């Protein structure tokens, strides 16, 4: 699959093509598992493994 990325104004007008990204098929036949879990916090405090205050 090929995805074309464009720069768009606030009005929705395409101003310029930016890049093209090619996505290849993965090696597994199974789709990624569906989940409602949010990704872990990536703030500097939690990347160190410290508890929140």
N, C-alpha and C. Protein backbone atom coordinates (compact mmCIF):
# COMPACT_ATOMS: atom_id res chain seq x y z
N UNK A 1 0.85 -1.15 0.00
CA UNK A 1 0.00 0.00 0.00
C UNK A 1 0.91 1.23 0.00
N UNK A 2 0.52 2.23 -0.74
CA UNK A 2 1.28 3.47 -0.80
C UNK A 2 0.44 4.60 -0.22
N UNK A 3 1.02 5.38 0.69
CA UNK A 3 0.34 6.51 1.31
C UNK A 3 1.07 7.77 0.89
N UNK A 4 0.33 8.72 0.35
CA UNK A 4 0.91 10.00 -0.04
C UNK A 4 0.59 11.02 1.05
N UNK A 5 1.59 11.77 1.50
CA UNK A 5 1.44 12.75 2.57
C UNK A 5 1.51 14.14 1.96
N UNK A 6 0.54 14.98 2.30
CA UNK A 6 0.45 16.33 1.75
C UNK A 6 0.44 17.37 2.86
N UNK A 7 0.85 18.59 2.54
CA UNK A 7 0.67 19.73 3.42
C UNK A 7 -0.68 20.34 3.06
N UNK A 8 -1.50 20.61 4.09
CA UNK A 8 -2.84 21.11 3.87
C UNK A 8 -3.03 22.37 4.71
N UNK A 9 -3.71 23.39 4.15
CA UNK A 9 -4.00 24.62 4.89
C UNK A 9 -5.15 24.38 5.85
N UNK A 10 -5.43 25.36 6.70
CA UNK A 10 -6.55 25.26 7.63
C UNK A 10 -7.88 25.14 6.90
N UNK A 11 -7.94 25.63 5.68
CA UNK A 11 -9.15 25.55 4.89
C UNK A 11 -9.30 24.22 4.16
N UNK A 12 -8.29 23.37 4.26
CA UNK A 12 -8.34 22.06 3.62
C UNK A 12 -7.78 22.03 2.22
N UNK A 13 -7.08 23.08 1.81
CA UNK A 13 -6.50 23.14 0.47
C UNK A 13 -5.11 22.50 0.49
N UNK A 14 -4.88 21.55 -0.41
CA UNK A 14 -3.58 20.90 -0.51
C UNK A 14 -2.60 21.89 -1.11
N UNK A 15 -1.50 22.18 -0.38
CA UNK A 15 -0.53 23.15 -0.86
C UNK A 15 0.70 22.51 -1.50
N UNK A 16 1.09 21.34 -1.02
CA UNK A 16 2.28 20.69 -1.58
C UNK A 16 2.34 19.23 -1.16
N UNK A 17 2.78 18.36 -2.07
CA UNK A 17 3.05 16.98 -1.66
C UNK A 17 4.32 16.96 -0.80
N UNK A 18 4.32 16.16 0.27
CA UNK A 18 5.49 16.11 1.16
C UNK A 18 6.33 14.88 0.92
N UNK A 19 5.71 13.71 0.94
CA UNK A 19 6.46 12.47 0.76
C UNK A 19 5.50 11.34 0.41
N UNK A 20 6.04 10.21 0.02
CA UNK A 20 5.27 9.00 -0.23
C UNK A 20 5.84 7.91 0.65
N UNK A 21 4.95 7.20 1.35
CA UNK A 21 5.36 6.12 2.25
C UNK A 21 4.78 4.82 1.72
N UNK A 22 5.61 3.81 1.61
CA UNK A 22 5.16 2.50 1.17
C UNK A 22 5.10 1.57 2.38
N UNK A 23 3.94 0.95 2.56
CA UNK A 23 3.72 0.03 3.68
C UNK A 23 3.66 -1.38 3.09
N UNK A 24 4.52 -2.25 3.61
CA UNK A 24 4.53 -3.63 3.11
C UNK A 24 3.76 -4.54 4.05
N UNK A 25 3.40 -5.67 3.56
CA UNK A 25 2.66 -6.65 4.34
C UNK A 25 3.58 -7.23 5.41
N UNK A 26 3.03 -7.46 6.60
CA UNK A 26 3.84 -8.05 7.66
C UNK A 26 4.02 -9.54 7.40
N UNK A 27 4.93 -10.15 8.11
CA UNK A 27 5.22 -11.56 7.90
C UNK A 27 4.23 -12.48 8.59
N UNK A 28 3.44 -11.96 9.51
CA UNK A 28 2.46 -12.79 10.20
C UNK A 28 1.13 -12.72 9.48
N UNK A 29 0.39 -13.78 9.56
CA UNK A 29 -0.93 -13.82 8.94
C UNK A 29 -2.01 -13.29 9.87
N UNK A 30 -1.68 -13.10 11.14
CA UNK A 30 -2.65 -12.66 12.13
C UNK A 30 -2.64 -11.14 12.26
N UNK A 31 -3.80 -10.50 12.32
CA UNK A 31 -3.83 -9.05 12.54
C UNK A 31 -3.38 -8.71 13.96
N UNK A 32 -3.00 -7.47 14.17
CA UNK A 32 -2.60 -7.04 15.51
C UNK A 32 -3.81 -7.16 16.44
N UNK A 33 -3.59 -7.55 17.70
CA UNK A 33 -4.71 -7.72 18.62
C UNK A 33 -5.41 -6.38 18.89
N UNK A 34 -6.73 -6.42 18.97
CA UNK A 34 -7.51 -5.24 19.29
C UNK A 34 -7.47 -5.04 20.81
N UNK A 35 -7.32 -3.79 21.24
CA UNK A 35 -7.23 -3.53 22.67
C UNK A 35 -7.74 -2.12 22.95
N UNK A 36 -8.28 -1.93 24.14
CA UNK A 36 -8.71 -0.59 24.56
C UNK A 36 -7.72 -0.01 25.56
N UNK A 37 -6.60 -0.68 25.76
CA UNK A 37 -5.58 -0.22 26.70
C UNK A 37 -4.79 0.92 26.07
N UNK A 38 -4.63 2.00 26.81
CA UNK A 38 -3.84 3.12 26.33
C UNK A 38 -2.36 2.80 26.41
N UNK A 39 -1.53 3.39 25.57
CA UNK A 39 -0.09 3.14 25.67
C UNK A 39 0.45 3.72 26.98
N UNK A 40 1.56 3.18 27.49
CA UNK A 40 2.12 3.69 28.73
C UNK A 40 2.57 5.14 28.59
N UNK A 41 2.52 5.86 29.69
CA UNK A 41 2.93 7.26 29.70
C UNK A 41 4.41 7.35 29.32
N UNK A 42 4.75 8.33 28.47
CA UNK A 42 6.13 8.47 28.02
C UNK A 42 6.76 9.76 28.52
N UNK A 43 6.16 10.37 29.57
CA UNK A 43 6.76 11.59 30.10
C UNK A 43 8.09 11.25 30.78
N UNK A 44 8.98 12.22 30.93
CA UNK A 44 10.30 11.94 31.52
C UNK A 44 10.22 11.27 32.89
N UNK A 45 9.25 11.66 33.72
CA UNK A 45 9.13 11.08 35.06
C UNK A 45 8.82 9.59 34.98
N UNK A 46 7.92 9.18 34.12
CA UNK A 46 7.53 7.78 34.05
C UNK A 46 8.48 6.93 33.22
N UNK A 47 9.26 7.53 32.34
CA UNK A 47 10.27 6.75 31.63
C UNK A 47 11.34 6.28 32.60
N UNK A 48 11.58 7.05 33.68
CA UNK A 48 12.58 6.66 34.68
C UNK A 48 12.03 5.60 35.62
N UNK A 49 10.72 5.35 35.60
CA UNK A 49 10.13 4.36 36.48
C UNK A 49 9.78 4.90 37.86
N UNK A 50 9.76 6.21 38.02
CA UNK A 50 9.39 6.80 39.31
C UNK A 50 7.88 6.89 39.45
N UNK A 51 7.40 6.89 40.68
CA UNK A 51 5.98 7.02 40.91
C UNK A 51 5.55 8.48 40.77
N UNK A 52 4.30 8.67 40.35
CA UNK A 52 3.75 10.03 40.23
C UNK A 52 3.48 10.57 41.63
N UNK A 53 3.58 11.89 41.75
CA UNK A 53 3.31 12.53 43.05
C UNK A 53 1.88 12.90 43.18
